[in-house]
N, C-alpha and C. Protein backbone atom coordinates (compact mmCIF):
# COMPACT_ATOMS: atom_id res chain seq x y z
N MET A 1 12.49 1.61 2.70
CA MET A 1 12.83 2.72 3.70
C MET A 1 11.62 3.78 3.87
N GLY A 2 11.32 4.13 2.51
CA GLY A 2 10.10 5.15 2.25
C GLY A 2 9.02 4.55 2.85
N GLN A 3 8.51 3.45 2.53
CA GLN A 3 7.24 2.62 3.03
C GLN A 3 7.31 2.74 4.37
N MET A 4 8.47 2.57 5.17
CA MET A 4 8.50 2.47 6.59
C MET A 4 7.99 3.91 7.28
N PHE A 5 8.61 5.04 6.76
CA PHE A 5 8.18 6.31 7.02
C PHE A 5 6.73 6.61 6.61
N TYR A 6 6.42 6.16 5.51
CA TYR A 6 5.05 6.66 5.16
C TYR A 6 4.22 5.77 6.22
N SER A 7 4.19 4.55 6.38
CA SER A 7 3.54 3.80 7.35
C SER A 7 3.43 4.40 8.59
N MET A 8 4.53 4.56 9.09
CA MET A 8 4.63 5.14 10.66
C MET A 8 4.12 6.57 10.59
N SER A 9 4.06 7.51 9.61
CA SER A 9 3.63 8.73 9.59
C SER A 9 1.93 8.55 9.45
N LEU A 10 1.53 7.64 8.96
CA LEU A 10 0.08 7.34 8.84
C LEU A 10 -0.27 6.68 10.28
N ALA A 11 0.33 5.81 10.58
CA ALA A 11 -0.02 5.20 12.21
C ALA A 11 -0.04 6.20 12.93
N MET A 12 0.75 7.19 12.97
CA MET A 12 1.00 8.09 14.16
C MET A 12 -0.60 9.03 13.92
N GLY A 13 -0.94 9.53 12.90
CA GLY A 13 -1.98 10.14 12.59
C GLY A 13 -3.33 9.34 13.08
N ILE A 14 -3.39 7.98 12.86
CA ILE A 14 -4.40 7.05 13.26
C ILE A 14 -4.45 6.91 14.71
N MET A 15 -3.19 6.61 15.11
CA MET A 15 -2.93 6.69 16.67
C MET A 15 -3.70 7.54 17.43
N ILE A 16 -3.54 8.87 16.85
CA ILE A 16 -3.67 10.31 17.70
C ILE A 16 -5.38 10.18 17.70
N THR A 17 -5.74 10.04 16.43
CA THR A 17 -7.23 9.99 16.22
C THR A 17 -8.12 8.87 17.19
N TYR A 18 -7.42 7.66 17.10
CA TYR A 18 -7.79 6.61 17.96
C TYR A 18 -7.62 6.69 19.42
N GLY A 19 -6.62 7.44 19.81
CA GLY A 19 -6.55 7.57 21.08
C GLY A 19 -7.51 8.48 21.79
N SER A 20 -8.06 9.73 20.90
CA SER A 20 -8.75 10.60 21.53
C SER A 20 -10.25 9.93 21.79
N TYR A 21 -10.53 8.79 21.20
CA TYR A 21 -11.70 8.27 21.25
C TYR A 21 -11.71 6.81 22.11
N THR A 22 -10.72 6.37 22.73
CA THR A 22 -10.65 5.11 23.48
C THR A 22 -10.95 5.33 24.82
N LYS A 23 -11.61 4.50 25.47
CA LYS A 23 -11.83 4.46 26.88
C LYS A 23 -10.57 4.35 27.73
N ASP A 24 -10.77 4.69 28.92
CA ASP A 24 -9.43 4.38 29.89
C ASP A 24 -8.99 3.20 30.01
N GLU A 25 -9.80 2.32 30.15
CA GLU A 25 -9.36 0.79 30.26
C GLU A 25 -8.86 -0.02 28.85
N VAL A 26 -8.66 0.86 28.03
CA VAL A 26 -7.97 0.17 26.67
C VAL A 26 -6.57 0.44 26.94
N SER A 27 -5.74 -0.75 26.57
CA SER A 27 -4.20 -0.51 26.77
C SER A 27 -3.59 0.12 25.33
N ILE A 28 -3.04 1.34 25.40
CA ILE A 28 -2.49 1.83 24.40
C ILE A 28 -1.37 1.14 24.05
N VAL A 29 -0.37 0.56 24.79
CA VAL A 29 0.50 -0.37 24.13
C VAL A 29 0.13 -1.32 23.37
N LYS A 30 -0.93 -2.27 23.96
CA LYS A 30 -1.37 -3.34 23.22
C LYS A 30 -2.03 -2.58 21.71
N SER A 31 -2.38 -1.76 21.66
CA SER A 31 -3.15 -1.24 20.56
C SER A 31 -1.70 -1.03 19.46
N VAL A 32 -0.87 -0.20 20.02
CA VAL A 32 0.29 0.12 19.12
C VAL A 32 0.93 -1.11 18.65
N ASN A 33 1.09 -2.19 19.45
CA ASN A 33 1.56 -3.40 19.05
C ASN A 33 0.76 -3.92 17.75
N GLN A 34 -0.60 -3.95 18.03
CA GLN A 34 -1.41 -4.48 17.01
C GLN A 34 -1.47 -3.90 15.50
N ILE A 35 -1.14 -2.57 15.74
CA ILE A 35 -0.87 -1.60 14.64
C ILE A 35 0.23 -1.83 13.97
N GLU A 36 1.28 -1.96 14.79
CA GLU A 36 2.60 -2.49 14.17
C GLU A 36 2.59 -3.76 13.40
N ILE A 37 2.00 -4.76 14.12
CA ILE A 37 2.06 -6.21 13.53
C ILE A 37 1.24 -6.27 12.31
N PHE A 38 0.04 -5.49 12.33
CA PHE A 38 -0.89 -5.49 11.34
C PHE A 38 -0.21 -4.70 9.91
N ASP A 39 0.22 -3.50 10.36
CA ASP A 39 1.16 -2.89 9.06
C ASP A 39 2.19 -3.64 8.44
N THR A 40 3.07 -4.30 9.31
CA THR A 40 4.26 -5.15 8.92
C THR A 40 3.71 -6.33 8.23
N GLY A 41 2.60 -6.95 8.82
CA GLY A 41 1.96 -8.25 7.90
C GLY A 41 1.53 -7.71 6.32
N ILE A 42 0.79 -6.69 6.37
CA ILE A 42 0.13 -6.11 5.16
C ILE A 42 1.40 -5.91 4.18
N ALA A 43 2.42 -5.30 4.84
CA ALA A 43 3.54 -4.87 3.90
C ALA A 43 4.32 -6.03 3.41
N ILE A 44 4.54 -7.11 4.21
CA ILE A 44 5.17 -8.42 3.72
C ILE A 44 4.41 -9.08 2.71
N LEU A 45 2.95 -9.22 3.03
CA LEU A 45 2.00 -9.60 1.88
C LEU A 45 2.14 -9.00 0.69
N ALA A 46 2.05 -7.60 0.70
CA ALA A 46 2.18 -6.90 -0.70
C ALA A 46 3.63 -7.17 -1.40
N GLY A 47 4.58 -7.19 -0.84
CA GLY A 47 5.81 -7.53 -1.29
C GLY A 47 5.80 -8.96 -1.80
N MET A 48 5.03 -9.68 -1.04
CA MET A 48 4.98 -11.32 -1.79
C MET A 48 4.21 -11.57 -2.89
N MET A 49 3.27 -10.50 -3.22
CA MET A 49 2.77 -10.25 -4.33
C MET A 49 3.28 -9.59 -5.38
N VAL A 50 3.82 -8.44 -5.12
CA VAL A 50 4.32 -7.51 -6.23
C VAL A 50 5.90 -8.09 -6.82
N VAL A 51 6.61 -8.58 -6.02
CA VAL A 51 7.81 -8.90 -6.51
C VAL A 51 7.76 -10.12 -7.30
N PRO A 52 7.24 -11.20 -7.06
CA PRO A 52 7.32 -12.30 -8.30
C PRO A 52 6.62 -11.73 -9.38
N ALA A 53 5.49 -10.91 -9.29
CA ALA A 53 4.52 -10.41 -10.60
C ALA A 53 5.59 -9.75 -11.27
N VAL A 54 6.55 -8.86 -10.75
CA VAL A 54 7.44 -8.00 -11.54
C VAL A 54 8.40 -8.89 -12.27
N TYR A 55 8.88 -9.96 -11.68
CA TYR A 55 9.60 -10.87 -11.98
C TYR A 55 9.14 -11.76 -13.21
N ILE A 56 7.79 -12.17 -12.98
CA ILE A 56 7.35 -13.08 -13.94
C ILE A 56 6.99 -12.32 -15.37
N PHE A 57 6.29 -10.96 -15.16
CA PHE A 57 5.99 -10.08 -16.20
C PHE A 57 6.91 -9.40 -16.86
N SER A 58 7.99 -8.91 -16.01
CA SER A 58 9.04 -8.21 -16.75
C SER A 58 10.44 -8.77 -16.57
N GLY A 59 10.65 -10.20 -16.09
CA GLY A 59 12.00 -10.73 -16.41
C GLY A 59 12.86 -9.96 -15.11
N GLU A 60 14.12 -10.29 -15.35
CA GLU A 60 15.12 -9.78 -14.64
C GLU A 60 15.20 -8.19 -14.67
N ALA A 61 15.02 -7.85 -16.10
CA ALA A 61 15.04 -6.16 -15.92
C ALA A 61 14.13 -5.46 -15.20
N GLY A 62 12.83 -6.09 -15.16
CA GLY A 62 12.01 -5.72 -14.04
C GLY A 62 12.13 -5.27 -12.68
N THR A 63 13.09 -6.29 -12.20
CA THR A 63 13.48 -6.17 -10.89
C THR A 63 14.23 -4.92 -10.20
N SER A 64 14.65 -4.60 -11.36
CA SER A 64 15.59 -2.94 -10.96
C SER A 64 14.69 -1.98 -11.03
N GLN A 65 13.57 -2.08 -11.73
CA GLN A 65 12.69 -1.01 -11.97
C GLN A 65 11.86 -0.66 -10.51
N SER A 66 11.74 0.89 -10.46
CA SER A 66 10.84 1.23 -9.34
C SER A 66 9.99 2.22 -9.88
N GLY A 67 9.11 2.78 -9.08
CA GLY A 67 8.49 3.97 -9.26
C GLY A 67 7.53 3.75 -10.21
N ALA A 68 7.54 4.76 -11.48
CA ALA A 68 6.85 4.89 -12.72
C ALA A 68 7.07 3.67 -13.56
N GLY A 69 8.21 3.20 -13.73
CA GLY A 69 8.34 2.10 -14.63
C GLY A 69 7.69 0.89 -13.91
N LEU A 70 7.47 0.81 -12.86
CA LEU A 70 6.91 -0.22 -12.12
C LEU A 70 5.50 -0.49 -12.05
N MET A 71 4.97 0.80 -11.99
CA MET A 71 3.48 1.21 -11.72
C MET A 71 2.93 1.19 -13.16
N PHE A 72 3.58 1.88 -13.98
CA PHE A 72 2.70 2.02 -15.31
C PHE A 72 3.12 1.18 -16.49
N VAL A 73 4.11 0.17 -16.18
CA VAL A 73 4.75 -0.71 -17.18
C VAL A 73 4.28 -2.22 -16.67
N THR A 74 4.76 -2.43 -15.48
CA THR A 74 4.57 -3.91 -15.06
C THR A 74 3.24 -4.14 -14.52
N LEU A 75 2.74 -3.31 -13.91
CA LEU A 75 1.27 -3.55 -13.26
C LEU A 75 0.10 -3.61 -14.15
N PRO A 76 0.30 -2.82 -15.31
CA PRO A 76 -0.88 -3.25 -16.43
C PRO A 76 -0.74 -4.56 -16.75
N LYS A 77 0.60 -5.18 -17.09
CA LYS A 77 0.76 -6.35 -17.64
C LYS A 77 0.06 -7.55 -16.53
N VAL A 78 0.15 -7.00 -15.19
CA VAL A 78 -0.31 -7.98 -14.29
C VAL A 78 -1.94 -8.06 -14.20
N PHE A 79 -2.59 -6.67 -14.30
CA PHE A 79 -3.91 -6.56 -14.30
C PHE A 79 -4.66 -7.26 -15.78
N THR A 80 -3.98 -7.37 -16.73
CA THR A 80 -4.46 -7.80 -18.07
C THR A 80 -4.50 -9.36 -17.95
N GLN A 81 -3.91 -10.17 -17.05
CA GLN A 81 -3.83 -11.45 -16.68
C GLN A 81 -4.79 -11.82 -15.93
N MET A 82 -5.29 -10.95 -14.92
CA MET A 82 -6.26 -11.24 -13.90
C MET A 82 -7.61 -11.43 -14.49
N THR A 83 -8.36 -12.21 -13.59
CA THR A 83 -9.82 -12.13 -14.10
C THR A 83 -10.43 -10.70 -13.56
N ALA A 84 -11.18 -10.19 -14.35
CA ALA A 84 -11.71 -8.98 -14.11
C ALA A 84 -10.45 -7.98 -13.82
N GLY A 85 -9.39 -8.06 -14.71
CA GLY A 85 -8.16 -7.22 -14.46
C GLY A 85 -8.40 -5.39 -14.86
N ARG A 86 -9.06 -5.68 -15.87
CA ARG A 86 -9.53 -4.33 -16.34
C ARG A 86 -10.24 -3.43 -15.50
N PHE A 87 -11.08 -4.23 -14.73
CA PHE A 87 -12.01 -3.35 -13.77
C PHE A 87 -11.28 -3.15 -12.51
N ILE A 88 -10.31 -4.21 -11.88
CA ILE A 88 -9.49 -4.20 -10.94
C ILE A 88 -8.33 -3.10 -11.17
N GLY A 89 -7.84 -3.11 -12.39
CA GLY A 89 -6.67 -2.14 -12.88
C GLY A 89 -7.44 -0.68 -12.90
N GLY A 90 -8.45 -0.56 -13.47
CA GLY A 90 -8.95 0.82 -13.40
C GLY A 90 -9.41 1.58 -12.09
N LEU A 91 -9.85 0.52 -11.36
CA LEU A 91 -10.18 1.13 -9.67
C LEU A 91 -8.77 1.57 -9.22
N PHE A 92 -7.67 0.39 -9.21
CA PHE A 92 -6.37 0.73 -8.84
C PHE A 92 -5.79 2.19 -9.12
N PHE A 93 -5.61 2.33 -10.54
CA PHE A 93 -5.36 3.76 -11.18
C PHE A 93 -6.19 4.94 -10.71
N LEU A 94 -7.66 4.52 -10.65
CA LEU A 94 -8.22 5.90 -10.55
C LEU A 94 -8.01 6.22 -8.65
N ARG A 95 -7.87 5.11 -8.22
CA ARG A 95 -7.62 5.26 -6.74
C ARG A 95 -6.31 5.88 -6.29
N HIS A 96 -5.20 5.73 -7.01
CA HIS A 96 -3.98 6.30 -7.25
C HIS A 96 -4.09 7.87 -7.53
N LEU A 97 -4.96 8.27 -8.54
CA LEU A 97 -5.22 9.49 -8.92
C LEU A 97 -5.94 9.99 -7.84
N GLN A 98 -6.73 9.57 -6.91
CA GLN A 98 -7.67 10.19 -6.11
C GLN A 98 -6.72 10.42 -4.66
N VAL A 99 -5.69 9.59 -4.68
CA VAL A 99 -4.66 9.88 -3.49
C VAL A 99 -3.64 10.95 -3.70
N ARG A 100 -3.45 10.79 -5.10
CA ARG A 100 -2.34 11.87 -5.45
C ARG A 100 -2.96 13.17 -5.68
N TYR A 101 -4.28 13.22 -6.24
CA TYR A 101 -4.70 14.56 -6.32
C TYR A 101 -6.11 14.79 -5.44
N PRO A 102 -6.12 14.75 -4.28
CA PRO A 102 -7.28 14.92 -3.68
C PRO A 102 -8.40 15.84 -3.74
N LEU A 103 -9.50 15.59 -3.60
CA LEU A 103 -10.69 16.56 -4.20
C LEU A 103 -10.69 17.80 -3.38
N TRP A 104 -10.33 17.54 -2.00
CA TRP A 104 -10.43 18.58 -1.09
C TRP A 104 -9.24 19.52 -0.93
N LYS A 105 -8.24 19.33 -1.75
CA LYS A 105 -7.26 20.10 -1.77
C LYS A 105 -7.36 21.35 -2.47
N GLN A 106 -6.97 22.37 -1.72
CA GLN A 106 -7.45 23.89 -2.28
C GLN A 106 -6.15 24.61 -3.01
């Protein structure tokens, strides 16, 4: 449920920005439908990747984890099994810190 609200709030900001630059002949309804379809598709793909990885690397106990347990226990196990996993994992966690603590925040 939280991901849905996050996605929709993010999509609202994107749509407002996008709407200010669109030409009059562009269909806003069609653009909104495309945004909804792509957001839902990406969320489903992410779930199809994360849920099996959690189950494989943490067993049945891992499926009840969420938040910090999932991010800091299970995902590092996934990254260590990947080719160039240290690099990708490092980028993932650096990006998470950048999103969590933006540089422009005063």
